[in-house]
């Protein structure tokens, strides 16, 4: 009976899923985090750039938009 009680009263820091203990990251963990962050950044750019292009195209000269002269900033050009 005493063996059961000892097993239950182990240190909380020994439990790997304890939310109060921050686990140390290994080099493989850093690499995976870096890859995930790069993919997330590429996804954000791929989603937000078309929305931004619609906004700047609405302020730009239609001929400049059709000619591919508008990339990141509005090009009012000559109307």
PDB file of N, CA and C in Angstrom:
ATOM      1  N   UNK A   1       0.823  -1.186   0.000  1.00  0.00           N
ATOM      2  CA  UNK A   1       0.000   0.000   0.000  1.00  0.00           C
ATOM      3  C   UNK A   1       0.866   1.249   0.000  1.00  0.00           C
ATOM      4  N   UNK A   2       1.994   1.224   0.673  1.00  0.00           N
ATOM      5  CA  UNK A   2       2.844   2.408   0.730  1.00  0.00           C
ATOM      6  C   UNK A   2       3.497   2.684  -0.625  1.00  0.00           C
ATOM      7  N   UNK A   3       3.723   1.661  -1.447  1.00  0.00           N
ATOM      8  CA  UNK A   3       4.316   1.855  -2.770  1.00  0.00           C
ATOM      9  C   UNK A   3       3.365   2.643  -3.663  1.00  0.00           C
ATOM     10  N   UNK A   4       2.083   2.408  -3.508  1.00  0.00           N
ATOM     11  CA  UNK A   4       1.098   3.136  -4.304  1.00  0.00           C
ATOM     12  C   UNK A   4       1.089   4.604  -3.922  1.00  0.00           C
ATOM     13  N   UNK A   5       1.200   4.900  -2.661  1.00  0.00           N
ATOM     14  CA  UNK A   5       1.192   6.282  -2.192  1.00  0.00           C
ATOM     15  C   UNK A   5       2.447   7.010  -2.673  1.00  0.00           C
ATOM     16  N   UNK A   6       3.591   6.366  -2.679  1.00  0.00           N
ATOM     17  CA  UNK A   6       4.825   6.990  -3.137  1.00  0.00           C
ATOM     18  C   UNK A   6       4.759   7.310  -4.623  1.00  0.00           C
ATOM     19  N   UNK A   7       4.122   6.449  -5.416  1.00  0.00           N
ATOM     20  CA  UNK A   7       4.040   6.685  -6.852  1.00  0.00           C
ATOM     21  C   UNK A   7       3.151   7.883  -7.157  1.00  0.00           C
ATOM     22  N   UNK A   8       2.145   8.101  -6.351  1.00  0.00           N
ATOM     23  CA  UNK A   8       1.220   9.208  -6.578  1.00  0.00           C
ATOM     24  C   UNK A   8       1.850  10.535  -6.166  1.00  0.00           C
ATOM     25  N   UNK A   9       2.721  10.530  -5.180  1.00  0.00           N
ATOM     26  CA  UNK A   9       3.284  11.773  -4.663  1.00  0.00           C
ATOM     27  C   UNK A   9       4.616  12.122  -5.323  1.00  0.00           C
ATOM     28  N   UNK A  10       4.750  11.906  -6.618  1.00  0.00           N
ATOM     29  CA  UNK A  10       5.981  12.285  -7.297  1.00  0.00           C
ATOM     30  C   UNK A  10       6.006  13.790  -7.553  1.00  0.00           C
ATOM     31  N   UNK A  11       7.153  14.289  -7.857  1.00  0.00           N
ATOM     32  CA  UNK A  11       7.354  15.703  -8.066  1.00  0.00           C
ATOM     33  C   UNK A  11       6.613  16.166  -9.319  1.00  0.00           C
ATOM     34  N   UNK A  12       5.935  17.304  -9.245  1.00  0.00           N
ATOM     35  CA  UNK A  12       5.183  17.815 -10.391  1.00  0.00           C
ATOM     36  C   UNK A  12       6.102  18.204 -11.541  1.00  0.00           C
ATOM     37  N   UNK A  13       7.346  18.560 -11.261  1.00  0.00           N
ATOM     38  CA  UNK A  13       8.277  18.942 -12.318  1.00  0.00           C
ATOM     39  C   UNK A  13       8.732  17.755 -13.155  1.00  0.00           C
ATOM     40  N   UNK A  14       8.485  16.551 -12.705  1.00  0.00           N
ATOM     41  CA  UNK A  14       8.855  15.360 -13.447  1.00  0.00           C
ATOM     42  C   UNK A  14       7.846  15.020 -14.539  1.00  0.00           C
ATOM     43  N   UNK A  15       6.666  15.611 -14.494  1.00  0.00           N
ATOM     44  CA  UNK A  15       5.619  15.312 -15.464  1.00  0.00           C
ATOM     45  C   UNK A  15       5.866  16.168 -16.704  1.00  0.00           C
ATOM     46  N   UNK A  16       6.086  15.562 -17.871  1.00  0.00           N
ATOM     47  CA  UNK A  16       6.451  16.356 -19.055  1.00  0.00           C
ATOM     48  C   UNK A  16       5.328  17.229 -19.591  1.00  0.00           C
ATOM     49  N   UNK A  17       4.082  16.960 -19.270  1.00  0.00           N
ATOM     50  CA  UNK A  17       2.981  17.753 -19.791  1.00  0.00           C
ATOM     51  C   UNK A  17       2.459  18.758 -18.761  1.00  0.00           C
ATOM     52  N   UNK A  18       3.243  19.045 -17.746  1.00  0.00           N
ATOM     53  CA  UNK A  18       2.847  20.020 -16.751  1.00  0.00           C
ATOM     54  C   UNK A  18       2.877  21.401 -17.391  1.00  0.00           C
ATOM     55  N   UNK A  19       1.733  22.095 -17.412  1.00  0.00           N
ATOM     56  CA  UNK A  19       1.650  23.382 -18.096  1.00  0.00           C
ATOM     57  C   UNK A  19       2.415  24.485 -17.369  1.00  0.00           C
ATOM     58  N   UNK A  20       2.844  24.254 -16.147  1.00  0.00           N
ATOM     59  CA  UNK A  20       3.576  25.260 -15.387  1.00  0.00           C
ATOM     60  C   UNK A  20       5.088  25.132 -15.562  1.00  0.00           C
ATOM     61  N   UNK A  21       5.538  24.120 -16.251  1.00  0.00           N
ATOM     62  CA  UNK A  21       6.967  23.904 -16.465  1.00  0.00           C
ATOM     63  C   UNK A  21       7.254  24.061 -17.948  1.00  0.00           C
ATOM     64  N   UNK A  22       8.112  25.009 -18.299  1.00  0.00           N
ATOM     65  CA  UNK A  22       8.464  25.218 -19.700  1.00  0.00           C
ATOM     66  C   UNK A  22       9.575  24.258 -20.085  1.00  0.00           C
ATOM     67  N   UNK A  23       9.317  23.480 -21.113  1.00  0.00           N
ATOM     68  CA  UNK A  23      10.289  22.512 -21.577  1.00  0.00           C
ATOM     69  C   UNK A  23      11.374  23.207 -22.390  1.00  0.00           C
ATOM     70  N   UNK A  24      12.611  22.748 -22.283  1.00  0.00           N
ATOM     71  CA  UNK A  24      13.704  23.315 -23.063  1.00  0.00           C
ATOM     72  C   UNK A  24      13.618  22.787 -24.488  1.00  0.00           C
ATOM     73  N   UNK A  25      13.805  23.706 -25.449  1.00  0.00           N
ATOM     74  CA  UNK A  25      13.727  23.301 -26.850  1.00  0.00           C
ATOM     75  C   UNK A  25      15.070  22.778 -27.325  1.00  0.00           C
ATOM     76  N   UNK A  26      15.011  21.737 -28.097  1.00  0.00           N
ATOM     77  CA  UNK A  26      16.194  21.142 -28.701  1.00  0.00           C
ATOM     78  C   UNK A  26      16.389  21.762 -30.086  1.00  0.00           C
ATOM     79  N   UNK A  27      17.548  21.583 -30.708  1.00  0.00           N
ATOM     80  CA  UNK A  27      17.771  22.163 -32.042  1.00  0.00           C
ATOM     81  C   UNK A  27      16.722  21.741 -33.077  1.00  0.00           C
ATOM     82  N   UNK A  28      16.252  20.522 -32.999  1.00  0.00           N
ATOM     83  CA  UNK A  28      15.201  20.080 -33.913  1.00  0.00           C
ATOM     84  C   UNK A  28      13.904  20.842 -33.705  1.00  0.00           C
ATOM     85  N   UNK A  29      13.605  21.166 -32.450  1.00  0.00           N
ATOM     86  CA  UNK A  29      12.406  21.950 -32.155  1.00  0.00           C
ATOM     87  C   UNK A  29      12.517  23.355 -32.737  1.00  0.00           C
ATOM     88  N   UNK A  30      13.722  23.945 -32.638  1.00  0.00           N
ATOM     89  CA  UNK A  30      13.949  25.280 -33.201  1.00  0.00           C
ATOM     90  C   UNK A  30      13.777  25.245 -34.716  1.00  0.00           C
ATOM     91  N   UNK A  31      14.269  24.195 -35.354  1.00  0.00           N
ATOM     92  CA  UNK A  31      14.160  24.083 -36.808  1.00  0.00           C
ATOM     93  C   UNK A  31      12.698  23.966 -37.234  1.00  0.00           C
ATOM     94  N   UNK A  32      11.935  23.148 -36.537  1.00  0.00           N
ATOM     95  CA  UNK A  32      10.521  22.987 -36.872  1.00  0.00           C
ATOM     96  C   UNK A  32       9.774  24.294 -36.640  1.00  0.00           C
ATOM     97  N   UNK A  33      10.068  24.985 -35.559  1.00  0.00           N
ATOM     98  CA  UNK A  33       9.424  26.275 -35.289  1.00  0.00           C
ATOM     99  C   UNK A  33       9.770  27.287 -36.377  1.00  0.00           C
ATOM    100  N   UNK A  34      11.019  27.282 -36.825  1.00  0.00           N
ATOM    101  CA  UNK A  34      11.424  28.197 -37.881  1.00  0.00           C
ATOM    102  C   UNK A  34      10.705  27.911 -39.189  1.00  0.00           C
ATOM    103  N   UNK A  35      10.598  26.636 -39.549  1.00  0.00           N
ATOM    104  CA  UNK A  35       9.891  26.260 -40.783  1.00  0.00           C
ATOM    105  C   UNK A  35       8.424  26.648 -40.699  1.00  0.00           C
ATOM    106  N   UNK A  36       7.800  26.411 -39.556  1.00  0.00           N
ATOM    107  CA  UNK A  36       6.393  26.767 -39.383  1.00  0.00           C
ATOM    108  C   UNK A  36       6.215  28.278 -39.492  1.00  0.00           C
ATOM    109  N   UNK A  37       7.132  29.062 -38.904  1.00  0.00           N
ATOM    110  CA  UNK A  37       7.027  30.513 -38.970  1.00  0.00           C
ATOM    111  C   UNK A  37       7.205  31.025 -40.399  1.00  0.00           C
ATOM    112  N   UNK A  38       8.124  30.448 -41.153  1.00  0.00           N
ATOM    113  CA  UNK A  38       8.322  30.862 -42.547  1.00  0.00           C
ATOM    114  C   UNK A  38       7.082  30.538 -43.372  1.00  0.00           C
ATOM    115  N   UNK A  39       6.520  29.343 -43.194  1.00  0.00           N
ATOM    116  CA  UNK A  39       5.306  28.977 -43.921  1.00  0.00           C
ATOM    117  C   UNK A  39       4.136  29.881 -43.554  1.00  0.00           C
ATOM    118  N   UNK A  40       4.037  30.228 -42.281  1.00  0.00           N
ATOM    119  CA  UNK A  40       2.978  31.130 -41.835  1.00  0.00           C
ATOM    120  C   UNK A  40       3.145  32.509 -42.463  1.00  0.00           C
ATOM    121  N   UNK A  41       4.374  33.010 -42.512  1.00  0.00           N
ATOM    122  CA  UNK A  41       4.628  34.312 -43.116  1.00  0.00           C
ATOM    123  C   UNK A  41       4.296  34.299 -44.610  1.00  0.00           C
ATOM    124  N   UNK A  42       4.692  33.248 -45.316  1.00  0.00           N
ATOM    125  CA  UNK A  42       4.363  33.142 -46.735  1.00  0.00           C
ATOM    126  C   UNK A  42       2.853  33.077 -46.966  1.00  0.00           C
ATOM    127  N   UNK A  43       2.149  32.376 -46.099  1.00  0.00           N
ATOM    128  CA  UNK A  43       0.693  32.294 -46.215  1.00  0.00           C
ATOM    129  C   UNK A  43       0.047  33.650 -45.983  1.00  0.00           C
ATOM    130  N   UNK A  44       0.538  34.379 -44.997  1.00  0.00           N
ATOM    131  CA  UNK A  44      -0.007  35.711 -44.713  1.00  0.00           C
ATOM    132  C   UNK A  44       0.208  36.639 -45.902  1.00  0.00           C
ATOM    133  N   UNK A  45       1.405  36.607 -46.476  1.00  0.00           N
ATOM    134  CA  UNK A  45       1.692  37.459 -47.636  1.00  0.00           C
ATOM    135  C   UNK A  45       0.808  37.052 -48.820  1.00  0.00           C
ATOM    136  N   UNK A  46       0.647  35.752 -49.033  1.00  0.00           N
ATOM    137  CA  UNK A  46      -0.161  35.277 -50.153  1.00  0.00           C
ATOM    138  C   UNK A  46      -1.629  35.662 -50.005  1.00  0.00           C
ATOM    139  N   UNK A  47      -2.094  35.830 -48.785  1.00  0.00           N
ATOM    140  CA  UNK A  47      -3.491  36.204 -48.561  1.00  0.00           C
ATOM    141  C   UNK A  47      -3.664  37.722 -48.580  1.00  0.00           C
ATOM    142  N   UNK A  48      -2.740  38.453 -47.964  1.00  0.00           N
ATOM    143  CA  UNK A  48      -2.922  39.893 -47.816  1.00  0.00           C
ATOM    144  C   UNK A  48      -2.530  40.700 -49.053  1.00  0.00           C
ATOM    145  N   UNK A  49      -1.560  40.232 -49.849  1.00  0.00           N
ATOM    146  CA  UNK A  49      -1.152  41.027 -51.010  1.00  0.00           C
ATOM    147  C   UNK A  49      -2.287  41.239 -52.015  1.00  0.00           C
ATOM    148  N   UNK A  50      -3.061  40.225 -52.368  1.00  0.00           N
ATOM    149  CA  UNK A  50      -4.174  40.498 -53.301  1.00  0.00           C
ATOM    150  C   UNK A  50      -5.173  41.520 -52.745  1.00  0.00           C
ATOM    151  N   UNK A  51      -5.418  41.467 -51.447  1.00  0.00           N
ATOM    152  CA  UNK A  51      -6.320  42.461 -50.850  1.00  0.00           C
ATOM    153  C   UNK A  51      -5.709  43.856 -50.942  1.00  0.00           C
ATOM    154  N   UNK A  52      -4.424  43.967 -50.673  1.00  0.00           N
ATOM    155  CA  UNK A  52      -3.722  45.255 -50.765  1.00  0.00           C
ATOM    156  C   UNK A  52      -3.724  45.743 -52.219  1.00  0.00           C
ATOM    157  N   UNK A  53      -3.529  44.833 -53.165  1.00  0.00           N
ATOM    158  CA  UNK A  53      -3.511  45.222 -54.568  1.00  0.00           C
ATOM    159  C   UNK A  53      -4.855  45.793 -54.996  1.00  0.00           C
ATOM    160  N   UNK A  54      -5.942  45.240 -54.514  1.00  0.00           N
ATOM    161  CA  UNK A  54      -7.268  45.768 -54.848  1.00  0.00           C
ATOM    162  C   UNK A  54      -7.407  47.190 -54.336  1.00  0.00           C
ATOM    163  N   UNK A  55      -6.913  47.447 -53.129  1.00  0.00           N
ATOM    164  CA  UNK A  55      -7.003  48.793 -52.550  1.00  0.00           C
ATOM    165  C   UNK A  55      -6.160  49.770 -53.359  1.00  0.00           C
ATOM    166  N   UNK A  56      -4.892  49.428 -53.665  1.00  0.00           N
ATOM    167  CA  UNK A  56      -4.053  50.383 -54.390  1.00  0.00           C
ATOM    168  C   UNK A  56      -4.493  50.516 -55.847  1.00  0.00           C
ATOM    169  N   UNK A  57      -5.080  49.488 -56.419  1.00  0.00           N
ATOM    170  CA  UNK A  57      -5.573  49.591 -57.795  1.00  0.00           C
ATOM    171  C   UNK A  57      -6.764  50.531 -57.873  1.00  0.00           C
ATOM    172  N   UNK A  58      -7.534  50.605 -56.806  1.00  0.00           N
ATOM    173  CA  UNK A  58      -8.692  51.502 -56.824  1.00  0.00           C
ATOM    174  C   UNK A  58      -8.270  52.967 -56.783  1.00  0.00           C
ATOM    175  N   UNK A  59      -7.062  53.268 -56.286  1.00  0.00           N
ATOM    176  CA  UNK A  59      -6.563  54.635 -56.245  1.00  0.00           C
ATOM    177  C   UNK A  59      -5.638  54.951 -57.416  1.00  0.00           C
ATOM    178  N   UNK A  60      -5.322  53.964 -58.232  1.00  0.00           N
ATOM    179  CA  UNK A  60      -4.367  54.149 -59.321  1.00  0.00           C
ATOM    180  C   UNK A  60      -5.074  54.412 -60.640  1.00  0.00           C
ATOM    181  N   UNK A  61      -4.297  54.883 -61.583  1.00  0.00           N
ATOM    182  CA  UNK A  61      -4.775  55.085 -62.936  1.00  0.00           C
ATOM    183  C   UNK A  61      -5.069  53.711 -63.554  1.00  0.00           C
ATOM    184  N   UNK A  62      -6.245  53.527 -64.141  1.00  0.00           N
ATOM    185  CA  UNK A  62      -6.574  52.216 -64.728  1.00  0.00           C
ATOM    186  C   UNK A  62      -5.582  51.765 -65.797  1.00  0.00           C
ATOM    187  N   UNK A  63      -5.042  52.705 -66.555  1.00  0.00           N
ATOM    188  CA  UNK A  63      -4.061  52.336 -67.580  1.00  0.00           C
ATOM    189  C   UNK A  63      -2.770  51.833 -66.930  1.00  0.00           C
ATOM    190  N   UNK A  64      -2.388  52.412 -65.783  1.00  0.00           N
ATOM    191  CA  UNK A  64      -1.184  51.969 -65.080  1.00  0.00           C
ATOM    192  C   UNK A  64      -1.391  50.567 -64.508  1.00  0.00           C
ATOM    193  N   UNK A  65      -2.599  50.289 -64.019  1.00  0.00           N
ATOM    194  CA  UNK A  65      -2.899  48.958 -63.476  1.00  0.00           C
ATOM    195  C   UNK A  65      -2.873  47.929 -64.602  1.00  0.00           C
ATOM    196  N   UNK A  66      -3.490  48.255 -65.731  1.00  0.00           N
ATOM    197  CA  UNK A  66      -3.527  47.332 -66.855  1.00  0.00           C
ATOM    198  C   UNK A  66      -2.140  47.119 -67.450  1.00  0.00           C
ATOM    199  N   UNK A  67      -1.287  48.128 -67.347  1.00  0.00           N
ATOM    200  CA  UNK A  67       0.065  48.016 -67.883  1.00  0.00           C
ATOM    201  C   UNK A  67       1.044  47.354 -66.938  1.00  0.00           C
ATOM    202  N   UNK A  68       0.610  46.996 -65.737  1.00  0.00           N
ATOM    203  CA  UNK A  68       1.476  46.329 -64.770  1.00  0.00           C
ATOM    204  C   UNK A  68       2.440  47.258 -64.064  1.00  0.00           C
ATOM    205  N   UNK A  69       2.142  48.555 -64.027  1.00  0.00           N
ATOM    206  CA  UNK A  69       3.022  49.532 -63.395  1.00  0.00           C
ATOM    207  C   UNK A  69       2.761  49.675 -61.896  1.00  0.00           C
ATOM    208  N   UNK A  70       1.721  49.046 -61.391  1.00  0.00           N
ATOM    209  CA  UNK A  70       1.354  49.160 -59.976  1.00  0.00           C
ATOM    210  C   UNK A  70       1.766  47.873 -59.270  1.00  0.00           C
ATOM    211  N   UNK A  71       2.623  48.002 -58.240  1.00  0.00           N
ATOM    212  CA  UNK A  71       3.042  46.819 -57.486  1.00  0.00           C
ATOM    213  C   UNK A  71       2.733  46.954 -55.998  1.00  0.00           C
ATOM    214  N   UNK A  72       3.342  47.955 -55.343  1.00  0.00           N
ATOM    215  CA  UNK A  72       3.152  48.096 -53.897  1.00  0.00           C
ATOM    216  C   UNK A  72       2.488  49.395 -53.483  1.00  0.00           C
ATOM    217  N   UNK A  73       2.635  50.425 -54.310  1.00  0.00           N
ATOM    218  CA  UNK A  73       2.044  51.736 -53.986  1.00  0.00           C
ATOM    219  C   UNK A  73       1.178  52.187 -55.145  1.00  0.00           C
ATOM    220  N   UNK A  74       0.148  53.004 -54.851  1.00  0.00           N
ATOM    221  CA  UNK A  74      -0.702  53.513 -55.937  1.00  0.00           C
ATOM    222  C   UNK A  74       0.098  54.369 -56.915  1.00  0.00           C
ATOM    223  N   UNK A  75      -0.250  54.283 -58.172  1.00  0.00           N
ATOM    224  CA  UNK A  75       0.373  55.079 -59.216  1.00  0.00           C
ATOM    225  C   UNK A  75      -0.719  55.915 -59.852  1.00  0.00           C
ATOM    226  N   UNK A  76      -0.857  57.177 -59.397  1.00  0.00           N
ATOM    227  CA  UNK A  76      -1.968  57.986 -59.944  1.00  0.00           C
ATOM    228  C   UNK A  76      -1.794  58.287 -61.434  1.00  0.00           C
ATOM    229  N   UNK A  77      -0.559  58.410 -61.892  1.00  0.00           N
ATOM    230  CA  UNK A  77      -0.320  58.638 -63.316  1.00  0.00           C
ATOM    231  C   UNK A  77      -1.083  59.838 -63.844  1.00  0.00           C
ATOM    232  N   UNK A  78      -1.210  59.910 -65.143  1.00  0.00           N
ATOM    233  CA  UNK A  78      -1.973  61.001 -65.757  1.00  0.00           C
ATOM    234  C   UNK A  78      -3.296  60.444 -66.258  1.00  0.00           C
ATOM    235  N   UNK A  79      -4.368  61.103 -65.903  1.00  0.00           N
ATOM    236  CA  UNK A  79      -5.682  60.606 -66.287  1.00  0.00           C
ATOM    237  C   UNK A  79      -6.147  61.220 -67.529  1.00  0.00           C
TER     238      UNK A  79
END
